[in-house]
Amino acid sequence: MIVFGILTMMLMLLAFKIIPVYVEYYAIQKQFKALSLDPKIRNVTRNQLATIWAARAAVDDLRSMDSDFIEITKEGEEVIVSGEYSVKVPLFKSVSACFDFKPSSK
């Protein structure tokens, strides 16, 4: 019974550290989809993109994705917003979990 309780606590602690990483990923993906539908994004410079992303990231408290890693491409009339980033989550002592994400509006 004690072993089961310890295992359950360890799994819960692991989940509490990993779930926020995925919540942020889905929030970034949601912002990318909204960004791709924004008509102002069609002919934007890198500085304008940084300003637009900073405003959107501040609303949802998105800290893992920087505007330097965002790419905007066009497929016909459709604007695709994508990016790539990594998150390193310390689990305990010298053990960490590394997550690589590639969110996209597509």
N, C-alpha and C. Protein backbone atom coordinates (compact mmCIF):
# COMPACT_ATOMS: atom_id res chain seq x y z
N MET A 1 0.82 -1.19 0.00
CA MET A 1 0.00 0.00 0.00
C MET A 1 0.87 1.27 0.00
N ILE A 2 1.93 1.24 0.79
CA ILE A 2 2.83 2.40 0.85
C ILE A 2 3.53 2.60 -0.49
N VAL A 3 3.94 1.49 -1.11
CA VAL A 3 4.61 1.57 -2.41
C VAL A 3 3.67 2.18 -3.45
N PHE A 4 2.42 1.77 -3.43
CA PHE A 4 1.42 2.31 -4.36
C PHE A 4 1.24 3.82 -4.13
N GLY A 5 1.22 4.24 -2.90
CA GLY A 5 1.09 5.66 -2.58
C GLY A 5 2.28 6.47 -3.05
N ILE A 6 3.47 5.92 -2.88
CA ILE A 6 4.69 6.60 -3.33
C ILE A 6 4.72 6.71 -4.85
N LEU A 7 4.36 5.63 -5.53
CA LEU A 7 4.32 5.65 -7.01
C LEU A 7 3.28 6.65 -7.52
N THR A 8 2.15 6.69 -6.87
CA THR A 8 1.10 7.64 -7.26
C THR A 8 1.58 9.07 -7.08
N MET A 9 2.24 9.36 -5.97
CA MET A 9 2.76 10.71 -5.73
C MET A 9 3.82 11.08 -6.76
N MET A 10 4.70 10.14 -7.11
CA MET A 10 5.73 10.43 -8.11
C MET A 10 5.11 10.70 -9.48
N LEU A 11 4.10 9.93 -9.85
CA LEU A 11 3.42 10.16 -11.12
C LEU A 11 2.69 11.50 -11.13
N MET A 12 2.11 11.86 -10.03
CA MET A 12 1.43 13.16 -9.95
C MET A 12 2.42 14.31 -10.05
N LEU A 13 3.55 14.20 -9.37
CA LEU A 13 4.58 15.24 -9.47
C LEU A 13 5.11 15.35 -10.89
N LEU A 14 5.29 14.22 -11.55
CA LEU A 14 5.73 14.21 -12.94
C LEU A 14 4.69 14.89 -13.83
N ALA A 15 3.44 14.58 -13.62
CA ALA A 15 2.36 15.19 -14.41
C ALA A 15 2.29 16.69 -14.17
N PHE A 16 2.48 17.14 -12.93
CA PHE A 16 2.43 18.56 -12.63
C PHE A 16 3.55 19.33 -13.32
N LYS A 17 4.63 18.68 -13.64
CA LYS A 17 5.74 19.35 -14.33
C LYS A 17 5.58 19.29 -15.85
N ILE A 18 4.95 18.24 -16.36
CA ILE A 18 4.86 18.05 -17.81
C ILE A 18 3.61 18.67 -18.42
N ILE A 19 2.50 18.63 -17.74
CA ILE A 19 1.24 19.14 -18.30
C ILE A 19 1.33 20.62 -18.69
N PRO A 20 1.94 21.51 -17.90
CA PRO A 20 2.03 22.91 -18.34
C PRO A 20 2.78 23.11 -19.66
N VAL A 21 3.73 22.23 -19.96
CA VAL A 21 4.47 22.33 -21.22
C VAL A 21 3.52 22.10 -22.39
N TYR A 22 2.65 21.11 -22.28
CA TYR A 22 1.69 20.82 -23.34
C TYR A 22 0.58 21.86 -23.41
N VAL A 23 0.19 22.41 -22.29
CA VAL A 23 -0.82 23.47 -22.28
C VAL A 23 -0.28 24.68 -23.04
N GLU A 24 0.99 25.02 -22.82
CA GLU A 24 1.59 26.14 -23.53
C GLU A 24 1.71 25.85 -25.02
N TYR A 25 2.05 24.63 -25.39
CA TYR A 25 2.14 24.24 -26.80
C TYR A 25 0.79 24.45 -27.50
N TYR A 26 -0.29 24.00 -26.88
CA TYR A 26 -1.61 24.16 -27.50
C TYR A 26 -2.03 25.62 -27.55
N ALA A 27 -1.61 26.42 -26.59
CA ALA A 27 -1.90 27.86 -26.62
C ALA A 27 -1.13 28.53 -27.75
N ILE A 28 0.12 28.14 -27.97
CA ILE A 28 0.91 28.68 -29.08
C ILE A 28 0.28 28.29 -30.40
N GLN A 29 -0.15 27.05 -30.53
CA GLN A 29 -0.78 26.60 -31.75
C GLN A 29 -2.08 27.37 -32.01
N LYS A 30 -2.85 27.64 -30.96
CA LYS A 30 -4.08 28.42 -31.10
C LYS A 30 -3.76 29.84 -31.58
N GLN A 31 -2.70 30.43 -31.02
CA GLN A 31 -2.31 31.78 -31.45
C GLN A 31 -1.82 31.79 -32.90
N PHE A 32 -1.12 30.73 -33.32
CA PHE A 32 -0.67 30.64 -34.70
C PHE A 32 -1.86 30.58 -35.66
N LYS A 33 -2.88 29.82 -35.30
CA LYS A 33 -4.08 29.74 -36.14
C LYS A 33 -4.78 31.09 -36.23
N ALA A 34 -4.88 31.78 -35.11
CA ALA A 34 -5.49 33.11 -35.11
C ALA A 34 -4.64 34.10 -35.90
N LEU A 35 -3.34 33.98 -35.77
CA LEU A 35 -2.41 34.86 -36.48
C LEU A 35 -2.50 34.65 -37.99
N SER A 36 -2.66 33.40 -38.41
CA SER A 36 -2.72 33.12 -39.85
C SER A 36 -3.99 33.68 -40.49
N LEU A 37 -5.04 33.91 -39.70
CA LEU A 37 -6.28 34.47 -40.21
C LEU A 37 -6.30 36.00 -40.18
N ASP A 38 -5.30 36.59 -39.52
CA ASP A 38 -5.21 38.04 -39.40
C ASP A 38 -4.75 38.65 -40.73
N PRO A 39 -5.52 39.54 -41.33
CA PRO A 39 -5.12 40.12 -42.62
C PRO A 39 -3.87 41.01 -42.54
N LYS A 40 -3.53 41.50 -41.33
CA LYS A 40 -2.35 42.35 -41.18
C LYS A 40 -1.05 41.57 -41.32
N ILE A 41 -1.11 40.26 -41.26
CA ILE A 41 0.10 39.43 -41.23
C ILE A 41 0.62 39.13 -42.65
N ARG A 42 -0.15 39.41 -43.68
CA ARG A 42 0.21 39.02 -45.05
C ARG A 42 1.54 39.60 -45.52
N ASN A 43 1.78 40.87 -45.28
CA ASN A 43 3.02 41.52 -45.74
C ASN A 43 3.71 42.20 -44.56
N VAL A 44 4.13 41.40 -43.62
CA VAL A 44 4.69 41.93 -42.38
C VAL A 44 6.22 41.79 -42.39
N THR A 45 6.89 42.77 -41.79
CA THR A 45 8.34 42.68 -41.64
C THR A 45 8.67 41.91 -40.36
N ARG A 46 9.93 41.59 -40.18
CA ARG A 46 10.35 40.84 -39.00
C ARG A 46 10.10 41.64 -37.72
N ASN A 47 10.34 42.95 -37.76
CA ASN A 47 10.09 43.79 -36.57
C ASN A 47 8.61 43.88 -36.24
N GLN A 48 7.77 43.99 -37.28
CA GLN A 48 6.33 44.04 -37.05
C GLN A 48 5.84 42.71 -36.49
N LEU A 49 6.39 41.60 -37.00
CA LEU A 49 6.02 40.28 -36.48
C LEU A 49 6.40 40.15 -35.01
N ALA A 50 7.56 40.65 -34.65
CA ALA A 50 8.00 40.60 -33.26
C ALA A 50 7.05 41.38 -32.36
N THR A 51 6.59 42.53 -32.82
CA THR A 51 5.66 43.34 -32.04
C THR A 51 4.30 42.64 -31.90
N ILE A 52 3.80 42.11 -33.02
CA ILE A 52 2.51 41.41 -33.00
C ILE A 52 2.59 40.19 -32.09
N TRP A 53 3.68 39.42 -32.21
CA TRP A 53 3.80 38.21 -31.39
C TRP A 53 3.96 38.56 -29.91
N ALA A 54 4.70 39.61 -29.61
CA ALA A 54 4.90 40.01 -28.20
C ALA A 54 3.55 40.34 -27.56
N ALA A 55 2.68 41.00 -28.29
CA ALA A 55 1.36 41.34 -27.75
C ALA A 55 0.53 40.09 -27.51
N ARG A 56 0.53 39.18 -28.49
CA ARG A 56 -0.25 37.94 -28.35
C ARG A 56 0.33 37.03 -27.27
N ALA A 57 1.65 36.96 -27.19
CA ALA A 57 2.30 36.10 -26.20
C ALA A 57 2.08 36.63 -24.78
N ALA A 58 2.01 37.93 -24.63
CA ALA A 58 1.79 38.51 -23.31
C ALA A 58 0.39 38.18 -22.78
N VAL A 59 -0.58 38.12 -23.68
CA VAL A 59 -1.95 37.81 -23.25
C VAL A 59 -2.05 36.41 -22.67
N ASP A 60 -1.43 35.43 -23.36
CA ASP A 60 -1.51 34.04 -22.91
C ASP A 60 -0.31 33.60 -22.08
N ASP A 61 0.60 34.54 -21.77
CA ASP A 61 1.80 34.23 -20.98
C ASP A 61 2.62 33.12 -21.63
N LEU A 62 2.91 33.28 -22.92
CA LEU A 62 3.69 32.31 -23.68
C LEU A 62 5.16 32.71 -23.64
N ARG A 63 5.97 31.94 -22.93
CA ARG A 63 7.37 32.31 -22.74
C ARG A 63 8.34 31.43 -23.53
N SER A 64 7.90 30.29 -24.00
CA SER A 64 8.81 29.35 -24.65
C SER A 64 9.10 29.71 -26.10
N MET A 65 8.17 30.37 -26.76
CA MET A 65 8.31 30.67 -28.19
C MET A 65 8.68 32.13 -28.37
N ASP A 66 9.81 32.35 -29.02
CA ASP A 66 10.28 33.70 -29.30
C ASP A 66 9.95 34.03 -30.75
N SER A 67 9.76 35.29 -31.06
CA SER A 67 9.39 35.69 -32.42
C SER A 67 10.49 35.37 -33.44
N ASP A 68 11.73 35.19 -32.99
CA ASP A 68 12.82 34.85 -33.91
C ASP A 68 12.64 33.47 -34.53
N PHE A 69 11.87 32.62 -33.89
CA PHE A 69 11.69 31.24 -34.36
C PHE A 69 10.38 31.04 -35.12
N ILE A 70 9.67 32.12 -35.40
CA ILE A 70 8.40 32.04 -36.13
C ILE A 70 8.67 32.26 -37.62
N GLU A 71 8.06 31.40 -38.43
CA GLU A 71 8.17 31.52 -39.89
C GLU A 71 6.78 31.74 -40.47
N ILE A 72 6.70 32.62 -41.44
CA ILE A 72 5.44 32.86 -42.14
C ILE A 72 5.66 32.51 -43.60
N THR A 73 4.86 31.58 -44.10
CA THR A 73 4.93 31.17 -45.50
C THR A 73 3.54 31.27 -46.11
N LYS A 74 3.50 31.31 -47.42
CA LYS A 74 2.22 31.39 -48.12
C LYS A 74 2.09 30.18 -49.04
N GLU A 75 0.94 29.55 -48.97
CA GLU A 75 0.60 28.47 -49.89
C GLU A 75 -0.65 28.92 -50.64
N GLY A 76 -0.45 29.49 -51.83
CA GLY A 76 -1.57 30.06 -52.56
C GLY A 76 -2.05 31.31 -51.84
N GLU A 77 -3.31 31.32 -51.47
CA GLU A 77 -3.88 32.45 -50.72
C GLU A 77 -3.79 32.23 -49.21
N GLU A 78 -3.41 31.04 -48.79
CA GLU A 78 -3.37 30.71 -47.37
C GLU A 78 -2.02 31.10 -46.75
N VAL A 79 -2.07 31.72 -45.58
CA VAL A 79 -0.87 32.08 -44.83
C VAL A 79 -0.65 31.01 -43.77
N ILE A 80 0.57 30.45 -43.76
CA ILE A 80 0.92 29.43 -42.79
C ILE A 80 1.92 30.03 -41.79
N VAL A 81 1.58 29.96 -40.52
CA VAL A 81 2.47 30.43 -39.46
C VAL A 81 2.97 29.19 -38.73
N SER A 82 4.28 29.05 -38.65
CA SER A 82 4.85 27.88 -37.99
C SER A 82 6.10 28.28 -37.20
N GLY A 83 6.58 27.36 -36.43
CA GLY A 83 7.77 27.62 -35.62
C GLY A 83 8.31 26.33 -35.06
N GLU A 84 9.39 26.47 -34.32
CA GLU A 84 10.04 25.31 -33.72
C GLU A 84 10.73 25.77 -32.44
N TYR A 85 10.53 25.02 -31.37
CA TYR A 85 11.18 25.36 -30.11
C TYR A 85 11.32 24.13 -29.24
N SER A 86 12.19 24.22 -28.25
CA SER A 86 12.42 23.13 -27.30
C SER A 86 12.21 23.64 -25.88
N VAL A 87 11.75 22.73 -25.03
CA VAL A 87 11.56 23.04 -23.62
C VAL A 87 12.24 21.96 -22.80
N LYS A 88 13.06 22.38 -21.86
CA LYS A 88 13.73 21.45 -20.96
C LYS A 88 13.12 21.59 -19.58
N VAL A 89 12.58 20.48 -19.07
CA VAL A 89 11.89 20.50 -17.78
C VAL A 89 12.70 19.67 -16.78
N PRO A 90 13.25 20.30 -15.74
CA PRO A 90 13.96 19.53 -14.72
C PRO A 90 12.97 18.69 -13.91
N LEU A 91 13.23 17.41 -13.82
CA LEU A 91 12.33 16.52 -13.08
C LEU A 91 12.79 16.33 -11.65
N PHE A 92 14.00 15.83 -11.47
CA PHE A 92 14.59 15.70 -10.14
C PHE A 92 16.08 15.51 -10.30
N LYS A 93 16.84 16.05 -9.35
CA LYS A 93 18.30 16.03 -9.35
C LYS A 93 18.85 16.31 -10.74
N SER A 94 19.52 15.35 -11.36
CA SER A 94 20.14 15.59 -12.66
C SER A 94 19.34 15.00 -13.81
N VAL A 95 18.06 14.75 -13.60
CA VAL A 95 17.20 14.18 -14.64
C VAL A 95 16.26 15.27 -15.16
N SER A 96 16.26 15.45 -16.49
CA SER A 96 15.39 16.43 -17.12
C SER A 96 14.68 15.77 -18.29
N ALA A 97 13.56 16.35 -18.64
CA ALA A 97 12.82 15.91 -19.82
C ALA A 97 12.92 17.03 -20.85
N CYS A 98 13.22 16.68 -22.08
CA CYS A 98 13.35 17.66 -23.15
C CYS A 98 12.24 17.40 -24.18
N PHE A 99 11.50 18.46 -24.51
CA PHE A 99 10.41 18.36 -25.46
C PHE A 99 10.71 19.26 -26.65
N ASP A 100 10.57 18.72 -27.85
CA ASP A 100 10.74 19.49 -29.08
C ASP A 100 9.38 19.63 -29.72
N PHE A 101 8.97 20.89 -29.97
CA PHE A 101 7.66 21.18 -30.53
C PHE A 101 7.80 21.90 -31.86
N LYS A 102 6.85 21.65 -32.75
CA LYS A 102 6.77 22.34 -34.04
C LYS A 102 5.33 22.76 -34.29
N PRO A 103 4.86 23.80 -33.59
CA PRO A 103 3.48 24.24 -33.79
C PRO A 103 3.30 24.88 -35.16
N SER A 104 2.10 24.76 -35.70
CA SER A 104 1.80 25.30 -37.01
C SER A 104 0.33 25.66 -37.08
N SER A 105 0.00 26.62 -37.93
CA SER A 105 -1.39 27.01 -38.11
C SER A 105 -2.11 26.08 -39.07
N LYS A 106 -1.37 25.22 -39.72
CA LYS A 106 -1.96 24.31 -40.70
C LYS A 106 -2.59 23.11 -40.07
